[in-house]
Amino acid sequence: MKWHFLILLIAFCSCGNSEKDAGDNLPVEIDFYAAEKKRIYMDELFDKIEVIPLETTPDCLLQDYPWIAGITDGNVLMKNDFVGACLFSRKEGRFIHNVGKKGQGPDEYILVGGTFCKEKNLMYANRGNTWIGINIETNKVEERVKKPYFTNLKIAGGVDNPYRLNDSLYMGYINNITGDIKYKIAVFNRNGEAVHLYPNHLLYPKKNQNEFIYVSGIFYRYKKNCVFIVVL
């Protein structure tokens, strides 16, 4: 299928197998200027396109820059990091309910952000030093995960996107705005304790700890591999 071929191409360019030798995990340089340039149409990449007109009411207006956080067989999860998250029916686009609640109270979140786990129907939201995993259908908090930190700086060295590997472990991209942190990706448990660290091959020509660079990246699974892509 065209869609599967596209993902396979990204996976090949984006990650290495941890079981191979360290030499196989060296960064790959791609010269986009030297590459062939051509127009690519959507029907060359996708087998099917779904258009879902979403219901718009005062209860489900996400404003500004909403984006698709997750898609299940029956629902679509839309969210805006600073506003909240809404669940819609995938078939009719009907608004179902708001997912969780923004605030300072118990089981409320500061920012939506984070990631979505389709297997468990969990949306991870930011509560400062922890994430809460909210079931998008029942609106109940089912998981609490402490954030790992790798520096004393408030805006650097943390993990923004907890990707759920299994029932006990998570993976995340380390925010390395100063360039001093030698790790790129961390595997950690619910207590925020790192159990495995992957080296950082990114180059930082300038070091400025006062500038916030929000690069959380995207994790996804393809066959038996876990793939990570940095989104700039």
C-alpha atoms as a PDB file:
ATOM      1  CA  MET A   1       0.000   0.000   0.000  1.00  0.00           C
ATOM      2  CA  LYS A   2       1.155   3.548  -0.661  1.00  0.00           C
ATOM      3  CA  TRP A   3       0.625   4.644   2.937  1.00  0.00           C
ATOM      4  CA  HIS A   4       2.650   1.749   4.343  1.00  0.00           C
ATOM      5  CA  PHE A   5       5.444   2.429   1.904  1.00  0.00           C
ATOM      6  CA  LEU A   6       5.683   6.055   3.082  1.00  0.00           C
ATOM      7  CA  ILE A   7       5.968   5.075   6.742  1.00  0.00           C
ATOM      8  CA  LEU A   8       8.571   2.451   5.946  1.00  0.00           C
ATOM      9  CA  LEU A   9      10.676   5.082   4.182  1.00  0.00           C
ATOM     10  CA  ILE A  10      10.511   7.422   7.180  1.00  0.00           C
ATOM     11  CA  ALA A  11      11.346   4.611   9.563  1.00  0.00           C
ATOM     12  CA  PHE A  12      14.399   3.659   7.553  1.00  0.00           C
ATOM     13  CA  CYS A  13      15.768   7.201   7.649  1.00  0.00           C
ATOM     14  CA  SER A  14      14.853   8.014  11.223  1.00  0.00           C
ATOM     15  CA  CYS A  15      15.930   5.303  13.594  1.00  0.00           C
ATOM     16  CA  GLY A  16      18.364   2.530  14.299  1.00  0.00           C
ATOM     17  CA  ASN A  17      17.853  -0.871  15.856  1.00  0.00           C
ATOM     18  CA  SER A  18      19.151  -0.972  19.426  1.00  0.00           C
ATOM     19  CA  GLU A  19      20.133  -4.622  18.935  1.00  0.00           C
ATOM     20  CA  LYS A  20      22.669  -3.742  16.227  1.00  0.00           C
ATOM     21  CA  ASP A  21      26.196  -2.542  16.808  1.00  0.00           C
ATOM     22  CA  ALA A  22      26.729   1.048  17.938  1.00  0.00           C
ATOM     23  CA  GLY A  23      28.298   1.840  14.558  1.00  0.00           C
ATOM     24  CA  ASP A  24      24.930   1.263  12.874  1.00  0.00           C
ATOM     25  CA  ASN A  25      23.307   3.969  15.002  1.00  0.00           C
ATOM     26  CA  LEU A  26      25.404   6.856  13.693  1.00  0.00           C
ATOM     27  CA  PRO A  27      23.440   9.882  12.400  1.00  0.00           C
ATOM     28  CA  VAL A  28      22.529   9.903   8.711  1.00  0.00           C
ATOM     29  CA  GLU A  29      23.021  13.059   6.647  1.00  0.00           C
ATOM     30  CA  ILE A  30      20.607  13.740   3.788  1.00  0.00           C
ATOM     31  CA  ASP A  31      21.342  16.502   1.274  1.00  0.00           C
ATOM     32  CA  PHE A  32      17.907  17.799   0.288  1.00  0.00           C
ATOM     33  CA  TYR A  33      19.399  20.343  -2.112  1.00  0.00           C
ATOM     34  CA  ALA A  34      21.147  17.648  -4.124  1.00  0.00           C
ATOM     35  CA  ALA A  35      18.068  15.399  -4.113  1.00  0.00           C
ATOM     36  CA  GLU A  36      15.733  15.287  -7.083  1.00  0.00           C
ATOM     37  CA  LYS A  37      12.895  17.826  -6.932  1.00  0.00           C
ATOM     38  CA  LYS A  38       9.436  16.890  -8.216  1.00  0.00           C
ATOM     39  CA  ARG A  39       5.795  17.596  -7.535  1.00  0.00           C
ATOM     40  CA  ILE A  40       4.109  14.893  -5.449  1.00  0.00           C
ATOM     41  CA  TYR A  41       0.319  14.553  -5.473  1.00  0.00           C
ATOM     42  CA  MET A  42      -1.745  13.234  -2.571  1.00  0.00           C
ATOM     43  CA  ASP A  43      -3.009  10.213  -4.498  1.00  0.00           C
ATOM     44  CA  GLU A  44       0.616   9.062  -4.828  1.00  0.00           C
ATOM     45  CA  LEU A  45       0.942   8.882  -1.033  1.00  0.00           C
ATOM     46  CA  PHE A  46      -2.480   7.937   0.301  1.00  0.00           C
ATOM     47  CA  ASP A  47      -4.980   5.238  -0.609  1.00  0.00           C
ATOM     48  CA  LYS A  48      -7.907   6.975   1.095  1.00  0.00           C
ATOM     49  CA  ILE A  49      -8.747  10.453   2.360  1.00  0.00           C
ATOM     50  CA  GLU A  50     -11.403  11.076   5.025  1.00  0.00           C
ATOM     51  CA  VAL A  51     -13.104  14.457   5.356  1.00  0.00           C
ATOM     52  CA  ILE A  52     -14.889  14.864   8.701  1.00  0.00           C
ATOM     53  CA  PRO A  53     -16.922  18.089   9.191  1.00  0.00           C
ATOM     54  CA  LEU A  54     -16.685  18.696  12.929  1.00  0.00           C
ATOM     55  CA  GLU A  55     -19.540  20.119  14.963  1.00  0.00           C
ATOM     56  CA  THR A  56     -18.869  23.681  16.122  1.00  0.00           C
ATOM     57  CA  THR A  57     -20.590  24.882  19.282  1.00  0.00           C
ATOM     58  CA  PRO A  58     -19.404  27.128  22.167  1.00  0.00           C
ATOM     59  CA  ASP A  59     -18.574  23.946  24.119  1.00  0.00           C
ATOM     60  CA  CYS A  60     -16.149  22.547  21.555  1.00  0.00           C
ATOM     61  CA  LEU A  61     -14.352  25.535  20.033  1.00  0.00           C
ATOM     62  CA  LEU A  62     -10.606  24.952  20.437  1.00  0.00           C
ATOM     63  CA  GLN A  63      -9.590  28.284  18.827  1.00  0.00           C
ATOM     64  CA  ASP A  64      -6.298  29.290  17.217  1.00  0.00           C
ATOM     65  CA  TYR A  65      -4.330  26.158  16.206  1.00  0.00           C
ATOM     66  CA  PRO A  66      -6.169  22.921  17.061  1.00  0.00           C
ATOM     67  CA  TRP A  67      -4.678  19.676  15.805  1.00  0.00           C
ATOM     68  CA  ILE A  68      -5.527  15.984  15.605  1.00  0.00           C
ATOM     69  CA  ALA A  69      -4.060  14.274  18.661  1.00  0.00           C
ATOM     70  CA  GLY A  70      -5.467  10.799  18.063  1.00  0.00           C
ATOM     71  CA  ILE A  71      -7.813   8.740  15.919  1.00  0.00           C
ATOM     72  CA  THR A  72      -9.585   5.552  16.998  1.00  0.00           C
ATOM     73  CA  ASP A  73     -12.020   3.360  15.087  1.00  0.00           C
ATOM     74  CA  GLY A  74     -14.953   5.478  16.258  1.00  0.00           C
ATOM     75  CA  ASN A  75     -13.629   8.818  17.479  1.00  0.00           C
ATOM     76  CA  VAL A  76     -11.320  11.739  16.694  1.00  0.00           C
ATOM     77  CA  LEU A  77      -9.424  13.552  19.461  1.00  0.00           C
ATOM     78  CA  MET A  78      -8.786  17.243  18.742  1.00  0.00           C
ATOM     79  CA  LYS A  79      -6.812  19.498  21.061  1.00  0.00           C
ATOM     80  CA  ASN A  80      -5.087  22.791  21.564  1.00  0.00           C
ATOM     81  CA  ASP A  81      -2.243  22.681  24.098  1.00  0.00           C
ATOM     82  CA  PHE A  82      -3.310  25.877  25.863  1.00  0.00           C
ATOM     83  CA  VAL A  83      -7.096  25.458  25.637  1.00  0.00           C
ATOM     84  CA  GLY A  84      -8.109  21.828  26.071  1.00  0.00           C
ATOM     85  CA  ALA A  85      -9.219  18.717  24.206  1.00  0.00           C
ATOM     86  CA  CYS A  86     -12.470  17.629  22.590  1.00  0.00           C
ATOM     87  CA  LEU A  87     -13.711  14.231  21.471  1.00  0.00           C
ATOM     88  CA  PHE A  88     -15.727  13.937  18.249  1.00  0.00           C
ATOM     89  CA  SER A  89     -17.471  11.101  16.474  1.00  0.00           C
ATOM     90  CA  ARG A  90     -15.385   9.964  13.520  1.00  0.00           C
ATOM     91  CA  LYS A  91     -18.432   9.156  11.391  1.00  0.00           C
ATOM     92  CA  GLU A  92     -20.624  12.242  11.838  1.00  0.00           C
ATOM     93  CA  GLY A  93     -18.197  14.728  13.410  1.00  0.00           C
ATOM     94  CA  ARG A  94     -20.576  15.057  16.362  1.00  0.00           C
ATOM     95  CA  PHE A  95     -19.135  16.591  19.542  1.00  0.00           C
ATOM     96  CA  ILE A  96     -19.135  13.998  22.365  1.00  0.00           C
ATOM     97  CA  HIS A  97     -17.472  15.762  25.316  1.00  0.00           C
ATOM     98  CA  ASN A  98     -14.457  17.689  26.540  1.00  0.00           C
ATOM     99  CA  VAL A  99     -11.618  15.419  27.638  1.00  0.00           C
ATOM    100  CA  GLY A 100     -10.468  16.252  31.156  1.00  0.00           C
ATOM    101  CA  LYS A 101     -10.445  19.787  32.504  1.00  0.00           C
ATOM    102  CA  LYS A 102      -7.891  22.574  32.583  1.00  0.00           C
ATOM    103  CA  GLY A 103      -7.305  24.015  36.044  1.00  0.00           C
ATOM    104  CA  GLN A 104      -5.507  23.660  39.378  1.00  0.00           C
ATOM    105  CA  GLY A 105      -7.852  21.167  41.030  1.00  0.00           C
ATOM    106  CA  PRO A 106      -7.456  17.398  41.545  1.00  0.00           C
ATOM    107  CA  ASP A 107      -7.086  15.498  38.257  1.00  0.00           C
ATOM    108  CA  GLU A 108      -7.050  18.784  36.307  1.00  0.00           C
ATOM    109  CA  TYR A 109      -4.221  19.728  33.962  1.00  0.00           C
ATOM    110  CA  ILE A 110      -2.168  22.821  33.111  1.00  0.00           C
ATOM    111  CA  LEU A 111      -1.591  21.985  29.446  1.00  0.00           C
ATOM    112  CA  VAL A 112      -2.857  19.227  27.204  1.00  0.00           C
ATOM    113  CA  GLY A 113       0.330  18.549  25.228  1.00  0.00           C
ATOM    114  CA  GLY A 114       1.875  15.123  25.670  1.00  0.00           C
ATOM    115  CA  THR A 115       0.779  12.177  23.562  1.00  0.00           C
ATOM    116  CA  PHE A 116      -2.103   9.796  22.952  1.00  0.00           C
ATOM    117  CA  CYS A 117      -2.026   6.024  23.472  1.00  0.00           C
ATOM    118  CA  LYS A 118      -4.542   4.410  21.125  1.00  0.00           C
ATOM    119  CA  GLU A 119      -4.206   0.940  22.689  1.00  0.00           C
ATOM    120  CA  LYS A 120      -5.331   2.241  26.108  1.00  0.00           C
ATOM    121  CA  ASN A 121      -7.414   5.231  24.929  1.00  0.00           C
ATOM    122  CA  LEU A 122      -5.255   7.495  27.117  1.00  0.00           C
ATOM    123  CA  MET A 123      -4.481  11.171  26.526  1.00  0.00           C
ATOM    124  CA  TYR A 124      -1.504  12.388  28.558  1.00  0.00           C
ATOM    125  CA  ALA A 125      -1.803  15.894  30.013  1.00  0.00           C
ATOM    126  CA  ASN A 126       0.709  18.094  31.831  1.00  0.00           C
ATOM    127  CA  ARG A 127       0.315  18.709  35.576  1.00  0.00           C
ATOM    128  CA  GLY A 128       3.655  20.381  36.222  1.00  0.00           C
ATOM    129  CA  ASN A 129       5.976  17.702  37.592  1.00  0.00           C
ATOM    130  CA  THR A 130       3.744  14.830  36.496  1.00  0.00           C
ATOM    131  CA  TRP A 131       1.574  13.679  33.610  1.00  0.00           C
ATOM    132  CA  ILE A 132      -1.894  12.233  34.012  1.00  0.00           C
ATOM    133  CA  GLY A 133      -3.286   9.672  31.580  1.00  0.00           C
ATOM    134  CA  ILE A 134      -6.974  10.434  30.949  1.00  0.00           C
ATOM    135  CA  ASN A 135      -9.252   7.887  29.299  1.00  0.00           C
ATOM    136  CA  ILE A 136     -10.823   9.856  26.438  1.00  0.00           C
ATOM    137  CA  GLU A 137     -14.095   7.889  26.619  1.00  0.00           C
ATOM    138  CA  THR A 138     -14.701   7.688  30.395  1.00  0.00           C
ATOM    139  CA  ASN A 139     -12.834  10.909  31.326  1.00  0.00           C
ATOM    140  CA  LYS A 140     -11.211   9.103  34.259  1.00  0.00           C
ATOM    141  CA  VAL A 141      -7.532   9.457  35.213  1.00  0.00           C
ATOM    142  CA  GLU A 142      -6.006   5.987  34.880  1.00  0.00           C
ATOM    143  CA  GLU A 143      -2.263   6.734  35.045  1.00  0.00           C
ATOM    144  CA  ARG A 144       0.114   9.139  36.796  1.00  0.00           C
ATOM    145  CA  VAL A 145       3.700   9.458  35.558  1.00  0.00           C
ATOM    146  CA  LYS A 146       6.428  11.559  37.178  1.00  0.00           C
ATOM    147  CA  LYS A 147       8.559  13.600  34.771  1.00  0.00           C
ATOM    148  CA  PRO A 148      12.268  12.781  34.518  1.00  0.00           C
ATOM    149  CA  TYR A 149      14.782  15.655  34.535  1.00  0.00           C
ATOM    150  CA  PHE A 150      18.421  15.667  33.453  1.00  0.00           C
ATOM    151  CA  THR A 151      19.479  19.190  34.480  1.00  0.00           C
ATOM    152  CA  ASN A 152      18.739  21.772  37.169  1.00  0.00           C
ATOM    153  CA  LEU A 153      17.527  24.338  34.618  1.00  0.00           C
ATOM    154  CA  LYS A 154      13.781  24.910  34.756  1.00  0.00           C
ATOM    155  CA  ILE A 155      13.219  25.041  30.990  1.00  0.00           C
ATOM    156  CA  ALA A 156      15.761  22.485  29.821  1.00  0.00           C
ATOM    157  CA  GLY A 157      16.473  18.817  30.292  1.00  0.00           C
ATOM    158  CA  GLY A 158      12.907  17.651  30.752  1.00  0.00           C
ATOM    159  CA  VAL A 159      10.738  15.350  28.661  1.00  0.00           C
ATOM    160  CA  ASP A 160       7.579  16.758  27.092  1.00  0.00           C
ATOM    161  CA  ASN A 161       6.103  13.778  25.265  1.00  0.00           C
ATOM    162  CA  PRO A 162       5.658  10.562  27.286  1.00  0.00           C
ATOM    163  CA  TYR A 163       5.258   7.753  24.758  1.00  0.00           C
ATOM    164  CA  ARG A 164       3.832   4.626  26.408  1.00  0.00           C
ATOM    165  CA  LEU A 165       5.987   1.582  25.631  1.00  0.00           C
ATOM    166  CA  ASN A 166       4.179  -0.903  27.906  1.00  0.00           C
ATOM    167  CA  ASP A 167       2.443  -1.067  31.298  1.00  0.00           C
ATOM    168  CA  SER A 168       5.523   0.103  33.198  1.00  0.00           C
ATOM    169  CA  LEU A 169       7.846   1.997  30.816  1.00  0.00           C
ATOM    170  CA  TYR A 170       7.683   5.221  28.801  1.00  0.00           C
ATOM    171  CA  MET A 171       9.935   6.908  26.245  1.00  0.00           C
ATOM    172  CA  GLY A 172      10.493  10.610  25.640  1.00  0.00           C
ATOM    173  CA  TYR A 173      12.605  13.174  23.792  1.00  0.00           C
ATOM    174  CA  ILE A 174      14.838  15.273  26.089  1.00  0.00           C
ATOM    175  CA  ASN A 175      14.525  19.045  25.681  1.00  0.00           C
ATOM    176  CA  ASN A 176      18.168  20.002  25.208  1.00  0.00           C
ATOM    177  CA  ILE A 177      18.121  23.746  24.516  1.00  0.00           C
ATOM    178  CA  THR A 178      21.627  24.415  25.851  1.00  0.00           C
ATOM    179  CA  GLY A 179      23.352  21.618  23.944  1.00  0.00           C
ATOM    180  CA  ASP A 180      25.072  20.411  27.132  1.00  0.00           C
ATOM    181  CA  ILE A 181      22.980  17.287  27.678  1.00  0.00           C
ATOM    182  CA  LYS A 182      24.605  14.235  26.127  1.00  0.00           C
ATOM    183  CA  TYR A 183      21.392  12.218  25.864  1.00  0.00           C
ATOM    184  CA  LYS A 184      18.625  12.494  23.270  1.00  0.00           C
ATOM    185  CA  ILE A 185      15.943   9.950  24.186  1.00  0.00           C
ATOM    186  CA  ALA A 186      15.143   8.482  27.607  1.00  0.00           C
ATOM    187  CA  VAL A 187      13.280   5.339  28.634  1.00  0.00           C
ATOM    188  CA  PHE A 188      11.854   5.770  32.131  1.00  0.00           C
ATOM    189  CA  ASN A 189       9.342   4.305  34.593  1.00  0.00           C
ATOM    190  CA  ARG A 190       6.327   5.896  36.308  1.00  0.00           C
ATOM    191  CA  ASN A 191       8.547   7.287  39.058  1.00  0.00           C
ATOM    192  CA  GLY A 192      10.511   9.294  36.496  1.00  0.00           C
ATOM    193  CA  GLU A 193      13.592   7.085  36.876  1.00  0.00           C
ATOM    194  CA  ALA A 194      15.614   6.573  33.685  1.00  0.00           C
ATOM    195  CA  VAL A 195      16.279   2.928  32.822  1.00  0.00           C
ATOM    196  CA  HIS A 196      17.937   3.509  29.443  1.00  0.00           C
ATOM    197  CA  LEU A 197      19.403   6.567  27.694  1.00  0.00           C
ATOM    198  CA  TYR A 198      20.185   7.043  23.997  1.00  0.00           C
ATOM    199  CA  PRO A 199      23.078   9.364  23.012  1.00  0.00           C
ATOM    200  CA  ASN A 200      22.547  12.799  21.504  1.00  0.00           C
ATOM    201  CA  HIS A 201      24.126  13.315  18.057  1.00  0.00           C
ATOM    202  CA  LEU A 202      22.526  16.712  17.421  1.00  0.00           C
ATOM    203  CA  LEU A 203      24.835  19.712  17.003  1.00  0.00           C
ATOM    204  CA  TYR A 204      24.183  23.044  18.736  1.00  0.00           C
ATOM    205  CA  PRO A 205      26.231  25.927  17.271  1.00  0.00           C
ATOM    206  CA  LYS A 206      24.883  28.355  19.881  1.00  0.00           C
ATOM    207  CA  LYS A 207      24.158  27.885  23.576  1.00  0.00           C
ATOM    208  CA  ASN A 208      21.474  30.080  25.078  1.00  0.00           C
ATOM    209  CA  GLN A 209      19.636  28.736  28.098  1.00  0.00           C
ATOM    210  CA  ASN A 210      17.191  31.670  28.052  1.00  0.00           C
ATOM    211  CA  GLU A 211      15.693  30.662  24.720  1.00  0.00           C
ATOM    212  CA  PHE A 212      12.981  27.993  24.808  1.00  0.00           C
ATOM    213  CA  ILE A 213      13.006  25.562  21.886  1.00  0.00           C
ATOM    214  CA  TYR A 214       9.895  23.392  21.843  1.00  0.00           C
ATOM    215  CA  VAL A 215      10.792  20.240  19.905  1.00  0.00           C
ATOM    216  CA  SER A 216       8.918  17.286  21.323  1.00  0.00           C
ATOM    217  CA  GLY A 217       9.089  14.949  18.323  1.00  0.00           C
ATOM    218  CA  ILE A 218       6.753  12.116  17.362  1.00  0.00           C
ATOM    219  CA  PHE A 219       6.849   8.458  18.371  1.00  0.00           C
ATOM    220  CA  TYR A 220       4.920   5.725  16.586  1.00  0.00           C
ATOM    221  CA  ARG A 221       5.075   1.997  15.973  1.00  0.00           C
ATOM    222  CA  TYR A 222       5.710   0.306  12.640  1.00  0.00           C
ATOM    223  CA  LYS A 223       5.553  -3.490  12.752  1.00  0.00           C
ATOM    224  CA  LYS A 224       7.904  -4.433  15.627  1.00  0.00           C
ATOM    225  CA  ASN A 225       9.870  -1.179  15.603  1.00  0.00           C
ATOM    226  CA  CYS A 226       9.407   2.009  17.607  1.00  0.00           C
ATOM    227  CA  VAL A 227      10.134   5.034  15.397  1.00  0.00           C
ATOM    228  CA  PHE A 228      11.003   8.568  16.515  1.00  0.00           C
ATOM    229  CA  ILE A 229      11.009  11.675  14.323  1.00  0.00           C
ATOM    230  CA  VAL A 230      12.188  15.126  15.382  1.00  0.00           C
ATOM    231  CA  VAL A 231       9.675  17.794  14.303  1.00  0.00           C
ATOM    232  CA  LEU A 232      11.366  21.154  13.709  1.00  0.00           C
END
